[in-house]
Every structure is written in structure tokens, then in C-alpha cells.
Amino acid sequence: MLPNEDVKTNIESITFFSSFNRSVLYTLLTNNKGMAAISFRERAKWHQIKFREEVLKVGYNGYETILNDLDAQKGLIFFDGFKVFEASQERYPHYRLNQACFANLLRSEHIPFNFFIPLSKKPEYARAVLNRFLGGVINMITDIRIEYTPDPEKALIDKASFDVFIEYKHASGGYGILGIEVKYAEREYRLMKDSREDKEVHQGTSIYNTLTEKTGLYRKECIEDLKSDKYRQVWRNQLLGESMTRKNLPESRYEHFTSIILYPEGNDHFRDLIPVYKSFLTPGHENSFMGIKYEEFIKTARGLTGDAEFLRWLQYLEDRYIIRT
């Protein structure tokens, strides 16, 4: 996951509203009808404030979407089943190493845990859900990791990580991986001109550009577009996975890689970006990248289980992240 700074939203926190008026405000701000001028980020912000106030019933730390330290360290940002909080603690043993993951309701750092730790508890169920999007190529899921940074000797050298890394046995008999980037209200992030990353992205001999040429994934006339703020992170995520496959690392056991963005339908940035990015791919590589909406994921997963605890988890995801119209 790459850095994404919080930005000040258009409508300031309105602390003087009565509980009745705040409830009316939530309804207005989270309703798409007639609210085209209000960004998805703003509506998501108020959706999370409502969750904090009406479900968690706790205060905040400076910004209304940030839990105070005591509540954050209780794991209140996470689903309360399937040992999701414990998994986050295992990944980040020290709270201060990734405070946003435990405290910031609006940012996406915590969301991979809430979506994929429950799924990891039943690999056959995870396989069934993911195969609905991948056309049945997964024979067996062998590993699911959250915020996984591959060995830089066997991948990109910039220590980039996957929000979710899934290793599986392919229906053809080989092994494959899914690299999933989970988004909520985020958009693109901008590079400072002449920063180290900016120079590496544009340097012809950098790993990004040499690997892009070697893989043959992209139409040549689109390569400069990939380096723009809009597409750069998606491009780098895909390169990270491709760098781990056998065709680019002969000693690797991975023959297949698919890059996935998981995002809510209301996030128009990624909704619009995905078909354009797919158009940059050369013939035969169209299936190496896809977008999955939260709404599609939840509906699909719900249709494949009758287990009460999994259904409770899916209802939590819907209530927590989906802004109903």
C-alpha cells in the first residue's frame, strides 16, 4: 500500500448540531439522489462518523473519523469475530507502527483485515467466492496474507507491498498469486516533482521501465500514461506481482498473476479508471487485471454460504462500508 495523505474535506465537522439535525445531515450527505456535487469521500466520511457515534458509541481524537487511542487499541475498527483484531496485532505488534490501521475509520488500511481474515478461516469458501470472479481457475488456496511485502530480491526493489496476497494452486496444475489493492475513499496520490520516486518512475533504466518493456503487458503508446498520478499506483501494483512470476524470475514457482482492485461502487475515481487501464493492456493480457466492487463481493459471498457467523460478517461489511441510496 502506498501513502495517501488525509485531506481536509469540504464540509467541516459540525459539532453544534443536535443529534436530530446530525441524523438529518447524515441522511442528506449519504444519499446519492440530488447530491452529485458532494464527493464520495465526503459521503463516506459522514457514513463513518455515523458508525462511530451510533454503533461504536465512542468519541474521537481531533478528527471525527479518527478513534481515540484507548478505543483504537481495543480493536474497535475491526469486525469482532474470526479473530480479525488478533490478526492485525500479529501483523502490527506495536500500535504506533501503523496507527492509521487501528484508528482511522475513513482510510483503507484496516479494511483488508475485515474483508479477508474471515475468508481465510475457510479456504474452500474463499476459493468459491474468488472463482466467481476469476472464472474457476483456482483449484486450491494455499495462503492468504495481509499487507505482505515480498522479498525485494525476488520482486521489485522498492519494498512495495500487497494489501492482500493470495497464493493458490491453478486449475492447470501450477501456482498463481492474486495481488489485491483495497480502496475506500482514496483517489490517486501525487508525486513531488524531482522526488526519488518521481525520478525512478521516469528513468528509462529503472526497474519499473525495464520490467514494463520485458513483460509486454502494455501497449507502447500508453506507457507514458501509466506514469501519471492517475495510473501510476495501479501500474506499480501490477509490476510487483509480475516481477514474482516465473517468466520474470526463473526460480519462482508462480506461473500466474492477477492484479485486482477492490473498491466501493461510489468511488468514481476507480470506477472510471479500471476500464481505461484495462484498455492499456495488450491482447491476451486483459485478464491480468480486474476490478471488483465491494457490493459484488458481498453479494457473491452471501450467495455461497448459509453459515450464521459468515452471514453476520457480510452484514457488517455492508452496514459498515456501503453507502445506501
C-alpha atoms as a PDB file:
ATOM      1  CA  MET A   1       0.000   0.000   0.000  1.00  0.00           C
ATOM      2  CA  LEU A   2       1.333   3.389  -0.978  1.00  0.00           C
ATOM      3  CA  PRO A   3       0.979   6.537   1.145  1.00  0.00           C
ATOM      4  CA  ASN A   4      -2.172   8.584   0.859  1.00  0.00           C
ATOM      5  CA  GLU A   5      -2.460  11.755   2.885  1.00  0.00           C
ATOM      6  CA  ASP A   6      -5.681  12.710   4.598  1.00  0.00           C
ATOM      7  CA  VAL A   7      -7.093  15.834   3.088  1.00  0.00           C
ATOM      8  CA  LYS A   8      -9.413  18.386   4.612  1.00  0.00           C
ATOM      9  CA  THR A   9     -12.910  17.707   3.293  1.00  0.00           C
ATOM     10  CA  ASN A  10     -15.336  20.297   2.001  1.00  0.00           C
ATOM     11  CA  ILE A  11     -17.773  20.271   4.897  1.00  0.00           C
ATOM     12  CA  GLU A  12     -16.257  20.875   8.309  1.00  0.00           C
ATOM     13  CA  SER A  13     -17.312  18.779  11.300  1.00  0.00           C
ATOM     14  CA  ILE A  14     -20.458  20.340  12.660  1.00  0.00           C
ATOM     15  CA  THR A  15     -20.248  19.818  16.413  1.00  0.00           C
ATOM     16  CA  PHE A  16     -23.074  22.188  17.323  1.00  0.00           C
ATOM     17  CA  PHE A  17     -25.736  20.108  15.548  1.00  0.00           C
ATOM     18  CA  SER A  18     -28.285  18.408  17.775  1.00  0.00           C
ATOM     19  CA  SER A  19     -28.490  14.617  17.447  1.00  0.00           C
ATOM     20  CA  PHE A  20     -31.677  15.050  15.421  1.00  0.00           C
ATOM     21  CA  ASN A  21     -30.140  17.515  12.997  1.00  0.00           C
ATOM     22  CA  ARG A  22     -26.970  15.424  12.661  1.00  0.00           C
ATOM     23  CA  SER A  23     -29.151  12.460  11.750  1.00  0.00           C
ATOM     24  CA  VAL A  24     -30.789  14.561   9.031  1.00  0.00           C
ATOM     25  CA  LEU A  25     -27.335  15.662   7.862  1.00  0.00           C
ATOM     26  CA  TYR A  26     -26.152  12.030   7.645  1.00  0.00           C
ATOM     27  CA  THR A  27     -29.168  11.194   5.503  1.00  0.00           C
ATOM     28  CA  LEU A  28     -28.558  14.092   3.141  1.00  0.00           C
ATOM     29  CA  LEU A  29     -24.833  13.523   2.806  1.00  0.00           C
ATOM     30  CA  THR A  30     -25.012   9.762   2.270  1.00  0.00           C
ATOM     31  CA  ASN A  31     -27.855   9.835  -0.239  1.00  0.00           C
ATOM     32  CA  ASN A  32     -26.756   9.918  -3.870  1.00  0.00           C
ATOM     33  CA  LYS A  33     -30.038  11.339  -5.142  1.00  0.00           C
ATOM     34  CA  GLY A  34     -29.632  15.009  -5.895  1.00  0.00           C
ATOM     35  CA  MET A  35     -26.226  15.091  -4.170  1.00  0.00           C
ATOM     36  CA  ALA A  36     -23.955  14.922  -7.216  1.00  0.00           C
ATOM     37  CA  ALA A  37     -21.941  17.926  -6.025  1.00  0.00           C
ATOM     38  CA  ILE A  38     -20.885  16.107  -2.856  1.00  0.00           C
ATOM     39  CA  SER A  39     -17.882  13.835  -3.301  1.00  0.00           C
ATOM     40  CA  PHE A  40     -17.884  10.165  -2.393  1.00  0.00           C
ATOM     41  CA  ARG A  41     -15.148  10.903   0.133  1.00  0.00           C
ATOM     42  CA  GLU A  42     -17.412  13.385   1.903  1.00  0.00           C
ATOM     43  CA  ARG A  43     -20.311  10.957   1.991  1.00  0.00           C
ATOM     44  CA  ALA A  44     -18.002   8.166   3.179  1.00  0.00           C
ATOM     45  CA  LYS A  45     -16.689  10.445   5.909  1.00  0.00           C
ATOM     46  CA  TRP A  46     -20.153  11.025   7.325  1.00  0.00           C
ATOM     47  CA  HIS A  47     -21.038   7.357   6.968  1.00  0.00           C
ATOM     48  CA  GLN A  48     -18.054   6.509   9.179  1.00  0.00           C
ATOM     49  CA  ILE A  49     -18.893   9.264  11.675  1.00  0.00           C
ATOM     50  CA  LYS A  50     -22.375   7.774  11.953  1.00  0.00           C
ATOM     51  CA  PHE A  51     -20.856   4.322  12.534  1.00  0.00           C
ATOM     52  CA  ARG A  52     -18.641   5.694  15.292  1.00  0.00           C
ATOM     53  CA  GLU A  53     -21.449   7.593  17.005  1.00  0.00           C
ATOM     54  CA  GLU A  54     -24.358   5.168  16.606  1.00  0.00           C
ATOM     55  CA  VAL A  55     -22.693   1.745  16.593  1.00  0.00           C
ATOM     56  CA  LEU A  56     -19.391   2.102  18.449  1.00  0.00           C
ATOM     57  CA  LYS A  57     -20.760   4.927  20.648  1.00  0.00           C
ATOM     58  CA  VAL A  58     -17.292   6.345  21.318  1.00  0.00           C
ATOM     59  CA  GLY A  59     -15.568   9.683  20.960  1.00  0.00           C
ATOM     60  CA  TYR A  60     -12.850  10.792  18.580  1.00  0.00           C
ATOM     61  CA  ASN A  61      -9.334  12.155  18.508  1.00  0.00           C
ATOM     62  CA  GLY A  62      -9.145  15.530  16.768  1.00  0.00           C
ATOM     63  CA  TYR A  63     -10.881  14.459  13.557  1.00  0.00           C
ATOM     64  CA  GLU A  64     -14.314  12.863  13.779  1.00  0.00           C
ATOM     65  CA  THR A  65     -13.221   9.856  11.731  1.00  0.00           C
ATOM     66  CA  ILE A  66     -10.253   9.038  13.995  1.00  0.00           C
ATOM     67  CA  LEU A  67     -10.739   6.954  17.128  1.00  0.00           C
ATOM     68  CA  ASN A  68      -9.008   7.999  20.318  1.00  0.00           C
ATOM     69  CA  ASP A  69      -6.013   5.895  21.305  1.00  0.00           C
ATOM     70  CA  LEU A  70      -7.770   3.881  24.003  1.00  0.00           C
ATOM     71  CA  ASP A  71     -10.613   2.774  21.740  1.00  0.00           C
ATOM     72  CA  ALA A  72      -8.297   2.209  18.790  1.00  0.00           C
ATOM     73  CA  GLN A  73      -6.147  -0.140  20.863  1.00  0.00           C
ATOM     74  CA  LYS A  74      -9.259  -2.147  21.761  1.00  0.00           C
ATOM     75  CA  GLY A  75      -9.616  -3.020  18.073  1.00  0.00           C
ATOM     76  CA  LEU A  76     -12.978  -1.306  17.636  1.00  0.00           C
ATOM     77  CA  ILE A  77     -12.207  -0.586  13.982  1.00  0.00           C
ATOM     78  CA  PHE A  78     -12.304  -4.314  13.193  1.00  0.00           C
ATOM     79  CA  PHE A  79     -15.077  -6.896  12.867  1.00  0.00           C
ATOM     80  CA  ASP A  80     -15.482  -8.601  16.235  1.00  0.00           C
ATOM     81  CA  GLY A  81     -15.317 -12.207  15.013  1.00  0.00           C
ATOM     82  CA  PHE A  82     -12.888 -14.570  13.298  1.00  0.00           C
ATOM     83  CA  LYS A  83     -10.001 -13.120  15.367  1.00  0.00           C
ATOM     84  CA  VAL A  84      -9.622 -10.205  12.958  1.00  0.00           C
ATOM     85  CA  PHE A  85      -8.204  -7.904  15.629  1.00  0.00           C
ATOM     86  CA  GLU A  86      -5.693 -10.544  16.684  1.00  0.00           C
ATOM     87  CA  ALA A  87      -4.549 -10.889  13.062  1.00  0.00           C
ATOM     88  CA  SER A  88      -3.966  -7.142  12.874  1.00  0.00           C
ATOM     89  CA  GLN A  89      -1.933  -7.255  16.086  1.00  0.00           C
ATOM     90  CA  GLU A  90       0.152 -10.098  14.699  1.00  0.00           C
ATOM     91  CA  ARG A  91       0.900  -8.028  11.603  1.00  0.00           C
ATOM     92  CA  TYR A  92       1.496  -4.820  13.584  1.00  0.00           C
ATOM     93  CA  PRO A  93       2.606  -5.827  17.113  1.00  0.00           C
ATOM     94  CA  HIS A  94       3.215  -2.214  18.062  1.00  0.00           C
ATOM     95  CA  TYR A  95       0.252   0.131  17.706  1.00  0.00           C
ATOM     96  CA  ARG A  96       2.386   3.085  16.670  1.00  0.00           C
ATOM     97  CA  LEU A  97       3.851   1.187  13.690  1.00  0.00           C
ATOM     98  CA  ASN A  98       0.601   1.733  11.810  1.00  0.00           C
ATOM     99  CA  GLN A  99      -1.678   3.876  13.929  1.00  0.00           C
ATOM    100  CA  ALA A 100      -3.980   4.639  10.983  1.00  0.00           C
ATOM    101  CA  CYS A 101      -4.793   0.933  10.643  1.00  0.00           C
ATOM    102  CA  PHE A 102      -6.275   0.907  14.156  1.00  0.00           C
ATOM    103  CA  ALA A 103      -7.695   4.415  14.402  1.00  0.00           C
ATOM    104  CA  ASN A 104      -8.644   5.973  11.055  1.00  0.00           C
ATOM    105  CA  LEU A 105     -12.157   4.916  10.062  1.00  0.00           C
ATOM    106  CA  LEU A 106     -12.005   6.635   6.673  1.00  0.00           C
ATOM    107  CA  ARG A 107      -8.700   5.318   5.386  1.00  0.00           C
ATOM    108  CA  SER A 108      -8.430   1.823   3.952  1.00  0.00           C
ATOM    109  CA  GLU A 109      -5.530   0.316   5.927  1.00  0.00           C
ATOM    110  CA  HIS A 110      -7.820  -1.703   8.204  1.00  0.00           C
ATOM    111  CA  ILE A 111     -10.236  -2.862   5.503  1.00  0.00           C
ATOM    112  CA  PRO A 112      -8.170  -5.796   4.116  1.00  0.00           C
ATOM    113  CA  PHE A 113      -8.304  -7.367   7.580  1.00  0.00           C
ATOM    114  CA  ASN A 114     -12.085  -7.003   7.762  1.00  0.00           C
ATOM    115  CA  PHE A 115     -12.632  -8.492   4.304  1.00  0.00           C
ATOM    116  CA  PHE A 116     -10.042 -11.234   4.106  1.00  0.00           C
ATOM    117  CA  ILE A 117      -9.225 -12.564   7.582  1.00  0.00           C
ATOM    118  CA  PRO A 118     -12.738 -14.061   7.902  1.00  0.00           C
ATOM    119  CA  LEU A 119     -12.415 -15.500   4.398  1.00  0.00           C
ATOM    120  CA  SER A 120      -9.042 -17.025   5.277  1.00  0.00           C
ATOM    121  CA  LYS A 121     -10.654 -19.127   8.010  1.00  0.00           C
ATOM    122  CA  LYS A 122     -12.376 -21.297   5.410  1.00  0.00           C
ATOM    123  CA  PRO A 123     -10.191 -21.683   2.289  1.00  0.00           C
ATOM    124  CA  GLU A 124     -12.806 -23.671   0.375  1.00  0.00           C
ATOM    125  CA  TYR A 125     -15.290 -20.844   0.861  1.00  0.00           C
ATOM    126  CA  ALA A 126     -12.657 -18.299  -0.185  1.00  0.00           C
ATOM    127  CA  ARG A 127     -11.975 -20.387  -3.290  1.00  0.00           C
ATOM    128  CA  ALA A 128     -15.659 -20.498  -4.212  1.00  0.00           C
ATOM    129  CA  VAL A 129     -16.083 -16.733  -3.774  1.00  0.00           C
ATOM    130  CA  LEU A 130     -12.974 -15.759  -5.745  1.00  0.00           C
ATOM    131  CA  ASN A 131     -13.647 -18.257  -8.523  1.00  0.00           C
ATOM    132  CA  ARG A 132     -16.897 -16.461  -9.295  1.00  0.00           C
ATOM    133  CA  PHE A 133     -14.758 -13.513 -10.406  1.00  0.00           C
ATOM    134  CA  LEU A 134     -11.817 -15.448 -11.841  1.00  0.00           C
ATOM    135  CA  GLY A 135     -13.660 -17.996 -13.952  1.00  0.00           C
ATOM    136  CA  GLY A 136     -12.806 -21.082 -11.906  1.00  0.00           C
ATOM    137  CA  VAL A 137      -9.006 -21.002 -12.259  1.00  0.00           C
ATOM    138  CA  ILE A 138      -8.367 -21.568  -8.525  1.00  0.00           C
ATOM    139  CA  ASN A 139      -8.034 -25.225  -7.606  1.00  0.00           C
ATOM    140  CA  MET A 140      -6.878 -24.651  -4.016  1.00  0.00           C
ATOM    141  CA  ILE A 141      -5.973 -21.609  -1.931  1.00  0.00           C
ATOM    142  CA  THR A 142      -2.708 -22.190  -0.098  1.00  0.00           C
ATOM    143  CA  ASP A 143      -2.059 -18.852   1.630  1.00  0.00           C
ATOM    144  CA  ILE A 144      -3.718 -15.509   2.393  1.00  0.00           C
ATOM    145  CA  ARG A 145      -1.607 -12.680   3.813  1.00  0.00           C
ATOM    146  CA  ILE A 146      -2.460  -9.100   4.667  1.00  0.00           C
ATOM    147  CA  GLU A 147      -0.052  -6.224   3.954  1.00  0.00           C
ATOM    148  CA  TYR A 148       2.553  -8.586   2.558  1.00  0.00           C
ATOM    149  CA  THR A 149       5.931  -7.282   1.422  1.00  0.00           C
ATOM    150  CA  PRO A 150       7.759  -9.787  -0.798  1.00  0.00           C
ATOM    151  CA  ASP A 151      11.479 -10.359  -0.529  1.00  0.00           C
ATOM    152  CA  PRO A 152      12.955  -7.480  -2.574  1.00  0.00           C
ATOM    153  CA  GLU A 153      15.478  -9.938  -4.014  1.00  0.00           C
ATOM    154  CA  LYS A 154      12.549 -11.766  -5.609  1.00  0.00           C
ATOM    155  CA  ALA A 155      10.345  -8.811  -6.542  1.00  0.00           C
ATOM    156  CA  LEU A 156      10.552  -5.066  -7.069  1.00  0.00           C
ATOM    157  CA  ILE A 157      13.375  -3.479  -5.122  1.00  0.00           C
ATOM    158  CA  ASP A 158      11.271  -0.641  -3.679  1.00  0.00           C
ATOM    159  CA  LYS A 159       9.728  -2.683  -0.816  1.00  0.00           C
ATOM    160  CA  ALA A 160       6.225  -2.210  -2.188  1.00  0.00           C
ATOM    161  CA  SER A 161       3.585  -4.430  -0.632  1.00  0.00           C
ATOM    162  CA  PHE A 162       0.275  -6.082  -1.427  1.00  0.00           C
ATOM    163  CA  ASP A 163      -2.739  -5.108   0.659  1.00  0.00           C
ATOM    164  CA  VAL A 164      -3.800  -8.728   0.222  1.00  0.00           C
ATOM    165  CA  PHE A 165      -1.615 -11.509  -1.173  1.00  0.00           C
ATOM    166  CA  ILE A 166      -3.293 -14.808  -2.082  1.00  0.00           C
ATOM    167  CA  GLU A 167      -1.325 -17.843  -3.225  1.00  0.00           C
ATOM    168  CA  TYR A 168      -3.236 -20.605  -4.957  1.00  0.00           C
ATOM    169  CA  LYS A 169      -2.862 -23.753  -6.979  1.00  0.00           C
ATOM    170  CA  HIS A 170      -4.069 -23.128 -10.511  1.00  0.00           C
ATOM    171  CA  ALA A 171      -6.527 -25.449 -12.240  1.00  0.00           C
ATOM    172  CA  SER A 172      -3.763 -26.177 -14.780  1.00  0.00           C
ATOM    173  CA  GLY A 173      -1.545 -27.565 -12.020  1.00  0.00           C
ATOM    174  CA  GLY A 174       0.884 -24.688 -11.485  1.00  0.00           C
ATOM    175  CA  TYR A 175       0.816 -21.994  -8.814  1.00  0.00           C
ATOM    176  CA  GLY A 176      -0.534 -18.500  -9.087  1.00  0.00           C
ATOM    177  CA  ILE A 177      -0.958 -15.378  -6.998  1.00  0.00           C
ATOM    178  CA  LEU A 178      -3.546 -12.650  -6.619  1.00  0.00           C
ATOM    179  CA  GLY A 179      -2.438  -9.186  -5.576  1.00  0.00           C
ATOM    180  CA  ILE A 180      -5.382  -7.209  -4.222  1.00  0.00           C
ATOM    181  CA  GLU A 181      -5.325  -3.474  -3.590  1.00  0.00           C
ATOM    182  CA  VAL A 182      -8.190  -2.425  -1.308  1.00  0.00           C
ATOM    183  CA  LYS A 183      -9.571   1.091  -1.630  1.00  0.00           C
ATOM    184  CA  TYR A 184     -12.325   3.012   0.111  1.00  0.00           C
ATOM    185  CA  ALA A 185     -12.450   6.799  -0.299  1.00  0.00           C
ATOM    186  CA  GLU A 186      -8.916   7.188  -1.700  1.00  0.00           C
ATOM    187  CA  ARG A 187      -8.116   8.519  -5.134  1.00  0.00           C
ATOM    188  CA  GLU A 188      -4.716   8.906  -6.827  1.00  0.00           C
ATOM    189  CA  TYR A 189      -1.687  10.157  -4.933  1.00  0.00           C
ATOM    190  CA  ARG A 190       0.677  12.734  -6.333  1.00  0.00           C
ATOM    191  CA  LEU A 191       4.431  12.633  -6.527  1.00  0.00           C
ATOM    192  CA  MET A 192       6.585  15.597  -5.698  1.00  0.00           C
ATOM    193  CA  LYS A 193       8.448  16.693  -8.792  1.00  0.00           C
ATOM    194  CA  ASP A 194      12.090  15.559  -8.740  1.00  0.00           C
ATOM    195  CA  SER A 195      11.496  13.308  -5.720  1.00  0.00           C
ATOM    196  CA  ARG A 196      13.349   9.995  -5.700  1.00  0.00           C
ATOM    197  CA  GLU A 197      10.229   8.086  -6.737  1.00  0.00           C
ATOM    198  CA  ASP A 198       9.432  10.591  -9.479  1.00  0.00           C
ATOM    199  CA  LYS A 199      12.924  10.179 -10.920  1.00  0.00           C
ATOM    200  CA  GLU A 200      12.776   6.366 -10.742  1.00  0.00           C
ATOM    201  CA  VAL A 201       9.414   6.219 -12.468  1.00  0.00           C
ATOM    202  CA  HIS A 202      10.650   8.347 -15.363  1.00  0.00           C
ATOM    203  CA  GLN A 203      14.196   6.976 -15.625  1.00  0.00           C
ATOM    204  CA  GLY A 204      14.394   4.705 -18.654  1.00  0.00           C
ATOM    205  CA  THR A 205      16.725   2.199 -16.970  1.00  0.00           C
ATOM    206  CA  SER A 206      14.720   1.878 -13.732  1.00  0.00           C
ATOM    207  CA  ILE A 207      13.191  -1.464 -12.719  1.00  0.00           C
ATOM    208  CA  TYR A 208       9.715  -0.123 -13.499  1.00  0.00           C
ATOM    209  CA  ASN A 209      10.523   0.698 -17.094  1.00  0.00           C
ATOM    210  CA  THR A 210      12.736  -2.296 -17.839  1.00  0.00           C
ATOM    211  CA  LEU A 211      10.122  -4.673 -16.406  1.00  0.00           C
ATOM    212  CA  THR A 212       7.337  -2.914 -18.299  1.00  0.00           C
ATOM    213  CA  GLU A 213       9.233  -3.489 -21.547  1.00  0.00           C
ATOM    214  CA  LYS A 214      10.126  -7.082 -20.645  1.00  0.00           C
ATOM    215  CA  THR A 215       6.596  -8.176 -19.764  1.00  0.00           C
ATOM    216  CA  GLY A 216       4.986  -6.806 -22.909  1.00  0.00           C
ATOM    217  CA  LEU A 217       1.817  -6.185 -20.911  1.00  0.00           C
ATOM    218  CA  TYR A 218       1.155  -2.689 -22.160  1.00  0.00           C
ATOM    219  CA  ARG A 219       0.553  -1.037 -25.492  1.00  0.00           C
ATOM    220  CA  LYS A 220       3.599   1.078 -26.260  1.00  0.00           C
ATOM    221  CA  GLU A 221       1.598   4.227 -26.941  1.00  0.00           C
ATOM    222  CA  CYS A 222       0.108   4.055 -23.418  1.00  0.00           C
ATOM    223  CA  ILE A 223       3.293   3.640 -21.383  1.00  0.00           C
ATOM    224  CA  GLU A 224       3.700   7.325 -20.587  1.00  0.00           C
ATOM    225  CA  ASP A 225       0.104   7.426 -19.340  1.00  0.00           C
ATOM    226  CA  LEU A 226       0.975   4.715 -16.808  1.00  0.00           C
ATOM    227  CA  LYS A 227       3.430   7.082 -15.103  1.00  0.00           C
ATOM    228  CA  SER A 228       0.795   9.741 -14.435  1.00  0.00           C
ATOM    229  CA  ASP A 229      -0.690  10.267 -10.973  1.00  0.00           C
ATOM    230  CA  LYS A 230      -3.929   8.638 -12.082  1.00  0.00           C
ATOM    231  CA  TYR A 231      -2.500   5.260 -13.121  1.00  0.00           C
ATOM    232  CA  ARG A 232       0.941   5.002 -11.505  1.00  0.00           C
ATOM    233  CA  GLN A 233      -0.057   3.087  -8.373  1.00  0.00           C
ATOM    234  CA  VAL A 234      -2.131   0.563 -10.340  1.00  0.00           C
ATOM    235  CA  TRP A 235       0.759   0.072 -12.775  1.00  0.00           C
ATOM    236  CA  ARG A 236       3.278  -0.449  -9.964  1.00  0.00           C
ATOM    237  CA  ASN A 237       0.978  -2.901  -8.177  1.00  0.00           C
ATOM    238  CA  GLN A 238       0.766  -4.986 -11.311  1.00  0.00           C
ATOM    239  CA  LEU A 239       4.513  -4.832 -11.870  1.00  0.00           C
ATOM    240  CA  LEU A 240       5.065  -6.022  -8.296  1.00  0.00           C
ATOM    241  CA  GLY A 241       3.137  -9.213  -8.973  1.00  0.00           C
ATOM    242  CA  GLU A 242       4.558  -9.725 -12.445  1.00  0.00           C
ATOM    243  CA  SER A 243       8.086  -9.420 -11.039  1.00  0.00           C
ATOM    244  CA  MET A 244       7.390 -12.534  -8.935  1.00  0.00           C
ATOM    245  CA  THR A 245       6.304 -14.804 -11.791  1.00  0.00           C
ATOM    246  CA  ARG A 246       8.497 -17.397 -13.462  1.00  0.00           C
ATOM    247  CA  LYS A 247       8.719 -15.542 -16.758  1.00  0.00           C
ATOM    248  CA  ASN A 248      10.477 -12.686 -14.947  1.00  0.00           C
ATOM    249  CA  LEU A 249      12.090 -14.670 -12.120  1.00  0.00           C
ATOM    250  CA  PRO A 250      13.078 -18.122 -13.442  1.00  0.00           C
ATOM    251  CA  GLU A 251      13.423 -19.715  -9.989  1.00  0.00           C
ATOM    252  CA  SER A 252       9.887 -18.670  -8.987  1.00  0.00           C
ATOM    253  CA  ARG A 253       7.150 -21.270  -8.702  1.00  0.00           C
ATOM    254  CA  TYR A 254       4.458 -18.774  -9.682  1.00  0.00           C
ATOM    255  CA  GLU A 255       3.222 -19.034 -13.242  1.00  0.00           C
ATOM    256  CA  HIS A 256       0.173 -16.796 -12.977  1.00  0.00           C
ATOM    257  CA  PHE A 257      -0.589 -13.375 -11.535  1.00  0.00           C
ATOM    258  CA  THR A 258      -3.776 -11.307 -11.425  1.00  0.00           C
ATOM    259  CA  SER A 259      -3.898  -7.758 -10.121  1.00  0.00           C
ATOM    260  CA  ILE A 260      -7.212  -6.789  -8.506  1.00  0.00           C
ATOM    261  CA  ILE A 261      -8.634  -3.550  -7.143  1.00  0.00           C
ATOM    262  CA  LEU A 262     -11.405  -3.989  -4.572  1.00  0.00           C
ATOM    263  CA  TYR A 263     -13.379  -0.771  -4.201  1.00  0.00           C
ATOM    264  CA  PRO A 264     -16.884   0.568  -3.410  1.00  0.00           C
ATOM    265  CA  GLU A 265     -19.113   1.413  -6.340  1.00  0.00           C
ATOM    266  CA  GLY A 266     -19.413   5.019  -5.201  1.00  0.00           C
ATOM    267  CA  ASN A 267     -15.690   5.656  -5.654  1.00  0.00           C
ATOM    268  CA  ASP A 268     -15.945   7.169  -9.107  1.00  0.00           C
ATOM    269  CA  HIS A 269     -12.168   7.543  -9.442  1.00  0.00           C
ATOM    270  CA  PHE A 270     -11.562   3.785  -9.525  1.00  0.00           C
ATOM    271  CA  ARG A 271     -14.861   3.049 -11.240  1.00  0.00           C
ATOM    272  CA  ASP A 272     -13.748   5.203 -14.179  1.00  0.00           C
ATOM    273  CA  LEU A 273     -10.052   4.263 -14.034  1.00  0.00           C
ATOM    274  CA  ILE A 274     -10.453   0.487 -14.316  1.00  0.00           C
ATOM    275  CA  PRO A 275     -11.841   0.195 -17.875  1.00  0.00           C
ATOM    276  CA  VAL A 276      -9.320   2.732 -19.169  1.00  0.00           C
ATOM    277  CA  TYR A 277      -6.393   0.936 -17.524  1.00  0.00           C
ATOM    278  CA  LYS A 278      -7.601  -2.374 -18.974  1.00  0.00           C
ATOM    279  CA  SER A 279      -7.545  -0.752 -22.418  1.00  0.00           C
ATOM    280  CA  PHE A 280      -3.798  -0.117 -21.961  1.00  0.00           C
ATOM    281  CA  LEU A 281      -3.130  -3.890 -21.803  1.00  0.00           C
ATOM    282  CA  THR A 282      -2.015  -5.767 -24.911  1.00  0.00           C
ATOM    283  CA  PRO A 283      -4.195  -8.512 -26.433  1.00  0.00           C
ATOM    284  CA  GLY A 284      -4.020 -11.680 -24.368  1.00  0.00           C
ATOM    285  CA  HIS A 285      -3.342  -9.837 -21.105  1.00  0.00           C
ATOM    286  CA  GLU A 286      -6.808  -8.408 -20.490  1.00  0.00           C
ATOM    287  CA  ASN A 287      -7.488 -10.892 -17.686  1.00  0.00           C
ATOM    288  CA  SER A 288      -4.301  -9.989 -15.809  1.00  0.00           C
ATOM    289  CA  PHE A 289      -6.161  -7.096 -14.161  1.00  0.00           C
ATOM    290  CA  MET A 290      -9.684  -6.582 -12.858  1.00  0.00           C
ATOM    291  CA  GLY A 291     -11.802  -4.509 -10.527  1.00  0.00           C
ATOM    292  CA  ILE A 292     -14.239  -5.974  -8.014  1.00  0.00           C
ATOM    293  CA  LYS A 293     -16.779  -3.797  -6.261  1.00  0.00           C
ATOM    294  CA  TYR A 294     -17.465  -4.232  -2.548  1.00  0.00           C
ATOM    295  CA  GLU A 295     -21.124  -4.670  -3.425  1.00  0.00           C
ATOM    296  CA  GLU A 296     -20.376  -7.516  -5.878  1.00  0.00           C
ATOM    297  CA  PHE A 297     -18.054  -9.220  -3.419  1.00  0.00           C
ATOM    298  CA  ILE A 298     -20.608  -9.132  -0.572  1.00  0.00           C
ATOM    299  CA  LYS A 299     -23.486 -10.315  -2.754  1.00  0.00           C
ATOM    300  CA  THR A 300     -21.419 -13.169  -4.174  1.00  0.00           C
ATOM    301  CA  ALA A 301     -20.100 -14.265  -0.777  1.00  0.00           C
ATOM    302  CA  ARG A 302     -23.597 -14.134   0.731  1.00  0.00           C
ATOM    303  CA  GLY A 303     -24.938 -16.394  -2.003  1.00  0.00           C
ATOM    304  CA  LEU A 304     -22.330 -19.056  -1.252  1.00  0.00           C
ATOM    305  CA  THR A 305     -22.859 -19.577   2.478  1.00  0.00           C
ATOM    306  CA  GLY A 306     -25.587 -20.341   4.967  1.00  0.00           C
ATOM    307  CA  ASP A 307     -23.264 -20.125   7.958  1.00  0.00           C
ATOM    308  CA  ALA A 308     -24.683 -17.695  10.517  1.00  0.00           C
ATOM    309  CA  GLU A 309     -21.314 -16.225  11.509  1.00  0.00           C
ATOM    310  CA  PHE A 310     -20.256 -15.620   7.919  1.00  0.00           C
ATOM    311  CA  LEU A 311     -23.640 -14.008   7.217  1.00  0.00           C
ATOM    312  CA  ARG A 312     -23.172 -11.762  10.263  1.00  0.00           C
ATOM    313  CA  TRP A 313     -19.749 -10.766   8.917  1.00  0.00           C
ATOM    314  CA  LEU A 314     -21.165  -9.945   5.483  1.00  0.00           C
ATOM    315  CA  GLN A 315     -23.930  -7.841   7.018  1.00  0.00           C
ATOM    316  CA  TYR A 316     -21.269  -5.990   8.990  1.00  0.00           C
ATOM    317  CA  LEU A 317     -19.325  -5.237   5.773  1.00  0.00           C
ATOM    318  CA  GLU A 318     -22.469  -3.968   4.094  1.00  0.00           C
ATOM    319  CA  ASP A 319     -23.515  -1.782   7.006  1.00  0.00           C
ATOM    320  CA  ARG A 320     -20.003  -0.547   7.640  1.00  0.00           C
ATOM    321  CA  TYR A 321     -18.843   0.416   4.147  1.00  0.00           C
ATOM    322  CA  ILE A 322     -21.788   0.564   1.723  1.00  0.00           C
ATOM    323  CA  ILE A 323     -23.483   3.938   1.465  1.00  0.00           C
ATOM    324  CA  ARG A 324     -27.081   3.163   0.612  1.00  0.00           C
ATOM    325  CA  THR A 325     -29.037   5.387  -1.741  1.00  0.00           C
END
